[in-house]
Amino acid sequence: MGAAAAILFGGLFTLSLASSLSIRALLAATEGKRKKTALSCGICQGKGFYTCKLCNGSSVIKWSPLYDPIVINPCLCPTCEGNRAQRCLNCVGKGYF
């Protein structure tokens, strides 16, 4: 009984894996065709990323809990998380439409 159940579940797992791999390959092929004919993104010039607009690429912002010019703390930029670049929101990081 246990061997039959193992064979059944193993077969189902194999079929599931094969179908997911074939669907993934099909999507990759259509994405490649779309990339060849698509227009390049004008915002990021086809790169998919651009310099962070909040910190201007410095990875830190000046922050004060209360507006107090004496105590200004440098903090990690919340938009780019210190990477100095952010994903293009126009093309969602693909570089094309």
PDB file of N, CA and C in Angstrom:
ATOM      1  N   MET A   1       0.815  -1.187   0.000  1.00  0.00           N
ATOM      2  CA  MET A   1       0.000   0.000   0.000  1.00  0.00           C
ATOM      3  C   MET A   1       0.869   1.265   0.000  1.00  0.00           C
ATOM      4  N   GLY A   2       1.916   1.249   0.822  1.00  0.00           N
ATOM      5  CA  GLY A   2       2.798   2.405   0.906  1.00  0.00           C
ATOM      6  C   GLY A   2       3.576   2.628  -0.380  1.00  0.00           C
ATOM      7  N   ALA A   3       4.001   1.548  -1.030  1.00  0.00           N
ATOM      8  CA  ALA A   3       4.752   1.667  -2.283  1.00  0.00           C
ATOM      9  C   ALA A   3       3.873   2.224  -3.387  1.00  0.00           C
ATOM     10  N   ALA A   4       2.607   1.806  -3.406  1.00  0.00           N
ATOM     11  CA  ALA A   4       1.682   2.295  -4.430  1.00  0.00           C
ATOM     12  C   ALA A   4       1.423   3.788  -4.243  1.00  0.00           C
ATOM     13  N   ALA A   5       1.272   4.194  -3.000  1.00  0.00           N
ATOM     14  CA  ALA A   5       1.056   5.616  -2.727  1.00  0.00           C
ATOM     15  C   ALA A   5       2.282   6.434  -3.114  1.00  0.00           C
ATOM     16  N   ALA A   6       3.476   5.915  -2.830  1.00  0.00           N
ATOM     17  CA  ALA A   6       4.706   6.611  -3.194  1.00  0.00           C
ATOM     18  C   ALA A   6       4.839   6.742  -4.705  1.00  0.00           C
ATOM     19  N   ILE A   7       4.498   5.682  -5.424  1.00  0.00           N
ATOM     20  CA  ILE A   7       4.564   5.732  -6.894  1.00  0.00           C
ATOM     21  C   ILE A   7       3.556   6.733  -7.440  1.00  0.00           C
ATOM     22  N   LEU A   8       2.353   6.750  -6.867  1.00  0.00           N
ATOM     23  CA  LEU A   8       1.315   7.669  -7.316  1.00  0.00           C
ATOM     24  C   LEU A   8       1.720   9.122  -7.077  1.00  0.00           C
ATOM     25  N   PHE A   9       2.173   9.428  -5.871  1.00  0.00           N
ATOM     26  CA  PHE A   9       2.586  10.805  -5.577  1.00  0.00           C
ATOM     27  C   PHE A   9       3.844  11.197  -6.338  1.00  0.00           C
ATOM     28  N   GLY A  10       4.759  10.265  -6.553  1.00  0.00           N
ATOM     29  CA  GLY A  10       5.954  10.547  -7.353  1.00  0.00           C
ATOM     30  C   GLY A  10       5.598  10.873  -8.788  1.00  0.00           C
ATOM     31  N   GLY A  11       4.627  10.112  -9.330  1.00  0.00           N
ATOM     32  CA  GLY A  11       4.176  10.372 -10.700  1.00  0.00           C
ATOM     33  C   GLY A  11       3.492  11.716 -10.820  1.00  0.00           C
ATOM     34  N   LEU A  12       2.662  12.055  -9.835  1.00  0.00           N
ATOM     35  CA  LEU A  12       1.998  13.362  -9.856  1.00  0.00           C
ATOM     36  C   LEU A  12       3.011  14.496  -9.747  1.00  0.00           C
ATOM     37  N   PHE A  13       4.017  14.316  -8.907  1.00  0.00           N
ATOM     38  CA  PHE A  13       5.056  15.332  -8.770  1.00  0.00           C
ATOM     39  C   PHE A  13       5.817  15.509 -10.080  1.00  0.00           C
ATOM     40  N   THR A  14       6.135  14.404 -10.740  1.00  0.00           N
ATOM     41  CA  THR A  14       6.863  14.466 -12.010  1.00  0.00           C
ATOM     42  C   THR A  14       6.040  15.173 -13.079  1.00  0.00           C
ATOM     43  N   LEU A  15       4.741  14.864 -13.162  1.00  0.00           N
ATOM     44  CA  LEU A  15       3.880  15.537 -14.137  1.00  0.00           C
ATOM     45  C   LEU A  15       3.764  17.027 -13.837  1.00  0.00           C
ATOM     46  N   SER A  16       3.648  17.368 -12.581  1.00  0.00           N
ATOM     47  CA  SER A  16       3.561  18.771 -12.197  1.00  0.00           C
ATOM     48  C   SER A  16       4.838  19.521 -12.552  1.00  0.00           C
ATOM     49  N   LEU A  17       5.970  18.920 -12.285  1.00  0.00           N
ATOM     50  CA  LEU A  17       7.252  19.542 -12.602  1.00  0.00           C
ATOM     51  C   LEU A  17       7.430  19.713 -14.101  1.00  0.00           C
ATOM     52  N   ALA A  18       7.077  18.707 -14.875  1.00  0.00           N
ATOM     53  CA  ALA A  18       7.222  18.791 -16.327  1.00  0.00           C
ATOM     54  C   ALA A  18       6.321  19.867 -16.910  1.00  0.00           C
ATOM     55  N   SER A  19       5.091  19.956 -16.421  1.00  0.00           N
ATOM     56  CA  SER A  19       4.177  20.970 -16.952  1.00  0.00           C
ATOM     57  C   SER A  19       4.629  22.379 -16.577  1.00  0.00           C
ATOM     58  N   SER A  20       5.122  22.577 -15.363  1.00  0.00           N
ATOM     59  CA  SER A  20       5.571  23.909 -14.980  1.00  0.00           C
ATOM     60  C   SER A  20       6.811  24.334 -15.760  1.00  0.00           C
ATOM     61  N   LEU A  21       7.702  23.386 -16.048  1.00  0.00           N
ATOM     62  CA  LEU A  21       8.889  23.720 -16.842  1.00  0.00           C
ATOM     63  C   LEU A  21       8.521  24.061 -18.276  1.00  0.00           C
ATOM     64  N   SER A  22       7.554  23.342 -18.847  1.00  0.00           N
ATOM     65  CA  SER A  22       7.160  23.637 -20.226  1.00  0.00           C
ATOM     66  C   SER A  22       6.450  24.989 -20.305  1.00  0.00           C
ATOM     67  N   ILE A  23       5.642  25.325 -19.320  1.00  0.00           N
ATOM     68  CA  ILE A  23       4.974  26.634 -19.309  1.00  0.00           C
ATOM     69  C   ILE A  23       6.000  27.745 -19.152  1.00  0.00           C
ATOM     70  N   ARG A  24       6.985  27.543 -18.304  1.00  0.00           N
ATOM     71  CA  ARG A  24       8.034  28.546 -18.104  1.00  0.00           C
ATOM     72  C   ARG A  24       8.835  28.760 -19.393  1.00  0.00           C
ATOM     73  N   ALA A  25       9.133  27.679 -20.124  1.00  0.00           N
ATOM     74  CA  ALA A  25       9.873  27.801 -21.382  1.00  0.00           C
ATOM     75  C   ALA A  25       9.042  28.534 -22.428  1.00  0.00           C
ATOM     76  N   LEU A  26       7.747  28.265 -22.462  1.00  0.00           N
ATOM     77  CA  LEU A  26       6.860  28.937 -23.402  1.00  0.00           C
ATOM     78  C   LEU A  26       6.789  30.433 -23.112  1.00  0.00           C
ATOM     79  N   LEU A  27       6.679  30.798 -21.846  1.00  0.00           N
ATOM     80  CA  LEU A  27       6.642  32.216 -21.474  1.00  0.00           C
ATOM     81  C   LEU A  27       7.958  32.919 -21.789  1.00  0.00           C
ATOM     82  N   ALA A  28       9.077  32.235 -21.616  1.00  0.00           N
ATOM     83  CA  ALA A  28      10.378  32.837 -21.925  1.00  0.00           C
ATOM     84  C   ALA A  28      10.510  33.085 -23.424  1.00  0.00           C
ATOM     85  N   ALA A  29       9.986  32.177 -24.245  1.00  0.00           N
ATOM     86  CA  ALA A  29      10.058  32.351 -25.692  1.00  0.00           C
ATOM     87  C   ALA A  29       9.209  33.535 -26.144  1.00  0.00           C
ATOM     88  N   THR A  30       8.008  33.677 -25.591  1.00  0.00           N
ATOM     89  CA  THR A  30       7.164  34.806 -25.988  1.00  0.00           C
ATOM     90  C   THR A  30       7.725  36.119 -25.465  1.00  0.00           C
ATOM     91  N   GLU A  31       8.359  36.096 -24.299  1.00  0.00           N
ATOM     92  CA  GLU A  31       8.972  37.318 -23.756  1.00  0.00           C
ATOM     93  C   GLU A  31      10.140  37.765 -24.631  1.00  0.00           C
ATOM     94  N   GLY A  32      10.898  36.811 -25.168  1.00  0.00           N
ATOM     95  CA  GLY A  32      12.000  37.148 -26.061  1.00  0.00           C
ATOM     96  C   GLY A  32      11.508  37.797 -27.345  1.00  0.00           C
ATOM     97  N   LYS A  33      10.412  37.287 -27.891  1.00  0.00           N
ATOM     98  CA  LYS A  33       9.832  37.880 -29.102  1.00  0.00           C
ATOM     99  C   LYS A  33       9.306  39.285 -28.813  1.00  0.00           C
ATOM    100  N   ARG A  34       8.686  39.451 -27.654  1.00  0.00           N
ATOM    101  CA  ARG A  34       8.140  40.753 -27.284  1.00  0.00           C
ATOM    102  C   ARG A  34       9.251  41.778 -27.112  1.00  0.00           C
ATOM    103  N   LYS A  35      10.380  41.356 -26.558  1.00  0.00           N
ATOM    104  CA  LYS A  35      11.484  42.270 -26.325  1.00  0.00           C
ATOM    105  C   LYS A  35      12.087  42.763 -27.638  1.00  0.00           C
ATOM    106  N   LYS A  36      12.101  41.912 -28.673  1.00  0.00           N
ATOM    107  CA  LYS A  36      12.674  42.308 -29.959  1.00  0.00           C
ATOM    108  C   LYS A  36      11.839  43.382 -30.646  1.00  0.00           C
ATOM    109  N   THR A  37      10.527  43.317 -30.485  1.00  0.00           N
ATOM    110  CA  THR A  37       9.659  44.242 -31.209  1.00  0.00           C
ATOM    111  C   THR A  37       9.160  45.404 -30.365  1.00  0.00           C
ATOM    112  N   ALA A  38       9.403  45.394 -29.078  1.00  0.00           N
ATOM    113  CA  ALA A  38       8.853  46.412 -28.182  1.00  0.00           C
ATOM    114  C   ALA A  38       9.632  47.717 -28.255  1.00  0.00           C
ATOM    115  N   LEU A  39       8.968  48.779 -27.836  1.00  0.00           N
ATOM    116  CA  LEU A  39       9.603  50.088 -27.766  1.00  0.00           C
ATOM    117  C   LEU A  39      10.426  50.199 -26.492  1.00  0.00           C
ATOM    118  N   SER A  40      11.554  50.858 -26.590  1.00  0.00           N
ATOM    119  CA  SER A  40      12.400  51.079 -25.422  1.00  0.00           C
ATOM    120  C   SER A  40      11.762  52.126 -24.510  1.00  0.00           C
ATOM    121  N   CYS A  41      11.933  51.960 -23.220  1.00  0.00           N
ATOM    122  CA  CYS A  41      11.364  52.898 -22.248  1.00  0.00           C
ATOM    123  C   CYS A  41      12.111  54.231 -22.335  1.00  0.00           C
ATOM    124  N   GLY A  42      11.361  55.309 -22.443  1.00  0.00           N
ATOM    125  CA  GLY A  42      11.966  56.633 -22.554  1.00  0.00           C
ATOM    126  C   GLY A  42      12.425  57.203 -21.219  1.00  0.00           C
ATOM    127  N   ILE A  43      11.881  56.713 -20.121  1.00  0.00           N
ATOM    128  CA  ILE A  43      12.225  57.236 -18.806  1.00  0.00           C
ATOM    129  C   ILE A  43      13.601  56.729 -18.364  1.00  0.00           C
ATOM    130  N   CYS A  44      13.830  55.436 -18.495  1.00  0.00           N
ATOM    131  CA  CYS A  44      15.099  54.852 -18.036  1.00  0.00           C
ATOM    132  C   CYS A  44      16.057  54.554 -19.189  1.00  0.00           C
ATOM    133  N   GLN A  45      15.719  54.918 -20.400  1.00  0.00           N
ATOM    134  CA  GLN A  45      16.502  54.664 -21.611  1.00  0.00           C
ATOM    135  C   GLN A  45      16.782  53.172 -21.799  1.00  0.00           C
ATOM    136  N   GLY A  46      15.826  52.334 -21.454  1.00  0.00           N
ATOM    137  CA  GLY A  46      15.949  50.898 -21.673  1.00  0.00           C
ATOM    138  C   GLY A  46      16.768  50.156 -20.641  1.00  0.00           C
ATOM    139  N   LYS A  47      17.184  50.798 -19.565  1.00  0.00           N
ATOM    140  CA  LYS A  47      18.008  50.138 -18.556  1.00  0.00           C
ATOM    141  C   LYS A  47      17.173  49.405 -17.509  1.00  0.00           C
ATOM    142  N   GLY A  48      15.970  49.892 -17.228  1.00  0.00           N
ATOM    143  CA  GLY A  48      15.129  49.291 -16.214  1.00  0.00           C
ATOM    144  C   GLY A  48      15.292  49.933 -14.850  1.00  0.00           C
ATOM    145  N   PHE A  49      16.367  50.685 -14.648  1.00  0.00           N
ATOM    146  CA  PHE A  49      16.616  51.363 -13.381  1.00  0.00           C
ATOM    147  C   PHE A  49      17.063  52.792 -13.664  1.00  0.00           C
ATOM    148  N   TYR A  50      16.874  53.658 -12.691  1.00  0.00           N
ATOM    149  CA  TYR A  50      17.403  55.014 -12.785  1.00  0.00           C
ATOM    150  C   TYR A  50      17.826  55.481 -11.401  1.00  0.00           C
ATOM    151  N   THR A  51      18.590  56.564 -11.351  1.00  0.00           N
ATOM    152  CA  THR A  51      19.089  57.101 -10.091  1.00  0.00           C
ATOM    153  C   THR A  51      17.928  57.479  -9.188  1.00  0.00           C
ATOM    154  N   CYS A  52      18.052  57.141  -7.934  1.00  0.00           N
ATOM    155  CA  CYS A  52      16.986  57.406  -6.960  1.00  0.00           C
ATOM    156  C   CYS A  52      16.689  58.904  -6.905  1.00  0.00           C
ATOM    157  N   LYS A  53      15.422  59.238  -6.991  1.00  0.00           N
ATOM    158  CA  LYS A  53      15.038  60.652  -7.010  1.00  0.00           C
ATOM    159  C   LYS A  53      14.937  61.250  -5.615  1.00  0.00           C
ATOM    160  N   LEU A  54      14.804  60.433  -4.594  1.00  0.00           N
ATOM    161  CA  LEU A  54      14.695  60.963  -3.241  1.00  0.00           C
ATOM    162  C   LEU A  54      16.057  61.363  -2.684  1.00  0.00           C
ATOM    163  N   CYS A  55      17.048  60.485  -2.822  1.00  0.00           N
ATOM    164  CA  CYS A  55      18.377  60.773  -2.263  1.00  0.00           C
ATOM    165  C   CYS A  55      19.364  61.246  -3.323  1.00  0.00           C
ATOM    166  N   ASN A  56      18.962  61.311  -4.573  1.00  0.00           N
ATOM    167  CA  ASN A  56      19.816  61.711  -5.698  1.00  0.00           C
ATOM    168  C   ASN A  56      21.069  60.844  -5.808  1.00  0.00           C
ATOM    169  N   GLY A  57      20.938  59.575  -5.492  1.00  0.00           N
ATOM    170  CA  GLY A  57      22.042  58.639  -5.641  1.00  0.00           C
ATOM    171  C   GLY A  57      23.055  58.650  -4.517  1.00  0.00           C
ATOM    172  N   SER A  58      22.747  59.292  -3.410  1.00  0.00           N
ATOM    173  CA  SER A  58      23.714  59.326  -2.305  1.00  0.00           C
ATOM    174  C   SER A  58      23.459  58.227  -1.278  1.00  0.00           C
ATOM    175  N   SER A  59      22.355  57.530  -1.351  1.00  0.00           N
ATOM    176  CA  SER A  59      21.914  56.424  -0.494  1.00  0.00           C
ATOM    177  C   SER A  59      21.521  56.859   0.912  1.00  0.00           C
ATOM    178  N   VAL A  60      21.641  58.123   1.251  1.00  0.00           N
ATOM    179  CA  VAL A  60      21.194  58.609   2.559  1.00  0.00           C
ATOM    180  C   VAL A  60      20.373  59.887   2.385  1.00  0.00           C
ATOM    181  N   ILE A  61      19.481  60.118   3.322  1.00  0.00           N
ATOM    182  CA  ILE A  61      18.721  61.359   3.351  1.00  0.00           C
ATOM    183  C   ILE A  61      18.944  62.028   4.695  1.00  0.00           C
ATOM    184  N   LYS A  62      18.733  63.323   4.743  1.00  0.00           N
ATOM    185  CA  LYS A  62      18.847  64.057   6.007  1.00  0.00           C
ATOM    186  C   LYS A  62      17.471  64.069   6.648  1.00  0.00           C
ATOM    187  N   TRP A  63      17.407  63.639   7.909  1.00  0.00           N
ATOM    188  CA  TRP A  63      16.130  63.498   8.589  1.00  0.00           C
ATOM    189  C   TRP A  63      16.225  64.036  10.000  1.00  0.00           C
ATOM    190  N   SER A  64      15.172  64.669  10.435  1.00  0.00           N
ATOM    191  CA  SER A  64      15.084  65.171  11.798  1.00  0.00           C
ATOM    192  C   SER A  64      13.712  64.806  12.341  1.00  0.00           C
ATOM    193  N   PRO A  65      13.632  64.237  13.560  1.00  0.00           N
ATOM    194  CA  PRO A  65      12.318  63.868  14.096  1.00  0.00           C
ATOM    195  C   PRO A  65      11.394  65.061  14.240  1.00  0.00           C
ATOM    196  N   LEU A  66      11.890  66.144  14.686  1.00  0.00           N
ATOM    197  CA  LEU A  66      11.165  67.409  14.728  1.00  0.00           C
ATOM    198  C   LEU A  66      12.017  68.388  13.932  1.00  0.00           C
ATOM    199  N   TYR A  67      11.385  69.297  13.243  1.00  0.00           N
ATOM    200  CA  TYR A  67      12.195  70.197  12.439  1.00  0.00           C
ATOM    201  C   TYR A  67      13.088  71.015  13.358  1.00  0.00           C
ATOM    202  N   ASP A  68      14.292  70.543  13.473  1.00  0.00           N
ATOM    203  CA  ASP A  68      15.285  71.184  14.338  1.00  0.00           C
ATOM    204  C   ASP A  68      16.589  71.241  13.549  1.00  0.00           C
ATOM    205  N   PRO A  69      17.020  72.404  13.128  1.00  0.00           N
ATOM    206  CA  PRO A  69      18.229  72.483  12.306  1.00  0.00           C
ATOM    207  C   PRO A  69      19.495  72.057  13.037  1.00  0.00           C
ATOM    208  N   ILE A  70      19.450  71.931  14.339  1.00  0.00           N
ATOM    209  CA  ILE A  70      20.645  71.533  15.086  1.00  0.00           C
ATOM    210  C   ILE A  70      20.850  70.028  15.006  1.00  0.00           C
ATOM    211  N   VAL A  71      19.763  69.270  15.093  1.00  0.00           N
ATOM    212  CA  VAL A  71      19.853  67.804  15.094  1.00  0.00           C
ATOM    213  C   VAL A  71      19.307  67.273  13.774  1.00  0.00           C
ATOM    214  N   ILE A  72      20.194  67.007  12.836  1.00  0.00           N
ATOM    215  CA  ILE A  72      19.812  66.411  11.560  1.00  0.00           C
ATOM    216  C   ILE A  72      20.584  65.108  11.423  1.00  0.00           C
ATOM    217  N   ASN A  73      19.858  64.018  11.336  1.00  0.00           N
ATOM    218  CA  ASN A  73      20.467  62.691  11.270  1.00  0.00           C
ATOM    219  C   ASN A  73      20.479  62.165   9.838  1.00  0.00           C
ATOM    220  N   PRO A  74      21.591  61.613   9.389  1.00  0.00           N
ATOM    221  CA  PRO A  74      21.565  60.931   8.094  1.00  0.00           C
ATOM    222  C   PRO A  74      20.928  59.548   8.265  1.00  0.00           C
ATOM    223  N   CYS A  75      19.984  59.215   7.399  1.00  0.00           N
ATOM    224  CA  CYS A  75      19.292  57.928   7.446  1.00  0.00           C
ATOM    225  C   CYS A  75      19.367  57.257   6.084  1.00  0.00           C
ATOM    226  N   LEU A  76      19.285  55.954   6.094  1.00  0.00           N
ATOM    227  CA  LEU A  76      19.257  55.181   4.863  1.00  0.00           C
ATOM    228  C   LEU A  76      18.003  55.550   4.067  1.00  0.00           C
ATOM    229  N   CYS A  77      18.161  55.739   2.784  1.00  0.00           N
ATOM    230  CA  CYS A  77      17.051  56.160   1.935  1.00  0.00           C
ATOM    231  C   CYS A  77      15.970  55.072   1.914  1.00  0.00           C
ATOM    232  N   PRO A  78      14.726  55.412   2.225  1.00  0.00           N
ATOM    233  CA  PRO A  78      13.673  54.398   2.232  1.00  0.00           C
ATOM    234  C   PRO A  78      13.205  53.988   0.838  1.00  0.00           C
ATOM    235  N   THR A  79      13.470  54.796  -0.160  1.00  0.00           N
ATOM    236  CA  THR A  79      13.025  54.470  -1.509  1.00  0.00           C
ATOM    237  C   THR A  79      13.924  53.440  -2.175  1.00  0.00           C
ATOM    238  N   CYS A  80      15.232  53.668  -2.144  1.00  0.00           N
ATOM    239  CA  CYS A  80      16.159  52.747  -2.806  1.00  0.00           C
ATOM    240  C   CYS A  80      16.846  51.803  -1.837  1.00  0.00           C
ATOM    241  N   GLU A  81      16.607  51.967  -0.545  1.00  0.00           N
ATOM    242  CA  GLU A  81      17.196  51.138   0.504  1.00  0.00           C
ATOM    243  C   GLU A  81      18.721  51.117   0.444  1.00  0.00           C
ATOM    244  N   GLY A  82      19.302  52.238   0.061  1.00  0.00           N
ATOM    245  CA  GLY A  82      20.751  52.369   0.022  1.00  0.00           C
ATOM    246  C   GLY A  82      21.402  51.863  -1.245  1.00  0.00           C
ATOM    247  N   ASN A  83      20.630  51.434  -2.242  1.00  0.00           N
ATOM    248  CA  ASN A  83      21.198  50.909  -3.493  1.00  0.00           C
ATOM    249  C   ASN A  83      21.525  51.996  -4.503  1.00  0.00           C
ATOM    250  N   ARG A  84      21.089  53.206  -4.246  1.00  0.00           N
ATOM    251  CA  ARG A  84      21.339  54.382  -5.084  1.00  0.00           C
ATOM    252  C   ARG A  84      20.606  54.362  -6.420  1.00  0.00           C
ATOM    253  N   ALA A  85      19.851  53.329  -6.695  1.00  0.00           N
ATOM    254  CA  ALA A  85      19.057  53.248  -7.916  1.00  0.00           C
ATOM    255  C   ALA A  85      17.712  52.634  -7.558  1.00  0.00           C
ATOM    256  N   GLN A  86      16.695  53.013  -8.308  1.00  0.00           N
ATOM    257  CA  GLN A  86      15.389  52.436  -8.083  1.00  0.00           C
ATOM    258  C   GLN A  86      14.838  51.890  -9.391  1.00  0.00           C
ATOM    259  N   ARG A  87      13.979  50.905  -9.277  1.00  0.00           N
ATOM    260  CA  ARG A  87      13.388  50.270 -10.461  1.00  0.00           C
ATOM    261  C   ARG A  87      12.479  51.273 -11.158  1.00  0.00           C
ATOM    262  N   CYS A  88      12.544  51.281 -12.466  1.00  0.00           N
ATOM    263  CA  CYS A  88      11.706  52.186 -13.254  1.00  0.00           C
ATOM    264  C   CYS A  88      10.247  51.771 -13.091  1.00  0.00           C
ATOM    265  N   LEU A  89       9.404  52.708 -12.672  1.00  0.00           N
ATOM    266  CA  LEU A  89       7.995  52.414 -12.482  1.00  0.00           C
ATOM    267  C   LEU A  89       7.211  52.485 -13.794  1.00  0.00           C
ATOM    268  N   ASN A  90       7.794  53.072 -14.810  1.00  0.00           N
ATOM    269  CA  ASN A  90       7.126  53.190 -16.097  1.00  0.00           C
ATOM    270  C   ASN A  90       7.105  51.843 -16.829  1.00  0.00           C
ATOM    271  N   CYS A  91       8.228  51.134 -16.830  1.00  0.00           N
ATOM    272  CA  CYS A  91       8.325  49.851 -17.530  1.00  0.00           C
ATOM    273  C   CYS A  91       8.451  48.678 -16.569  1.00  0.00           C
ATOM    274  N   VAL A  92       8.352  48.926 -15.281  1.00  0.00           N
ATOM    275  CA  VAL A  92       8.446  47.917 -14.214  1.00  0.00           C
ATOM    276  C   VAL A  92       9.789  47.180 -14.267  1.00  0.00           C
ATOM    277  N   GLY A  93      10.838  47.874 -14.634  1.00  0.00           N
ATOM    278  CA  GLY A  93      12.170  47.308 -14.621  1.00  0.00           C
ATOM    279  C   GLY A  93      12.547  46.470 -15.821  1.00  0.00           C
ATOM    280  N   LYS A  94      11.688  46.368 -16.825  1.00  0.00           N
ATOM    281  CA  LYS A  94      12.003  45.558 -18.010  1.00  0.00           C
ATOM    282  C   LYS A  94      12.844  46.328 -19.021  1.00  0.00           C
ATOM    283  N   GLY A  95      12.659  47.623 -19.101  1.00  0.00           N
ATOM    284  CA  GLY A  95      13.411  48.423 -20.057  1.00  0.00           C
ATOM    285  C   GLY A  95      12.667  48.646 -21.351  1.00  0.00           C
ATOM    286  N   TYR A  96      11.500  48.035 -21.496  1.00  0.00           N
ATOM    287  CA  TYR A  96      10.694  48.190 -22.702  1.00  0.00           C
ATOM    288  C   TYR A  96       9.226  48.064 -22.323  1.00  0.00           C
ATOM    289  N   PHE A  97       8.360  48.405 -23.255  1.00  0.00           N
ATOM    290  CA  PHE A  97       6.913  48.309 -23.024  1.00  0.00           C
ATOM    291  C   PHE A  97       6.372  47.030 -23.585  1.00  0.00           C
TER     292      PHE A  97
END
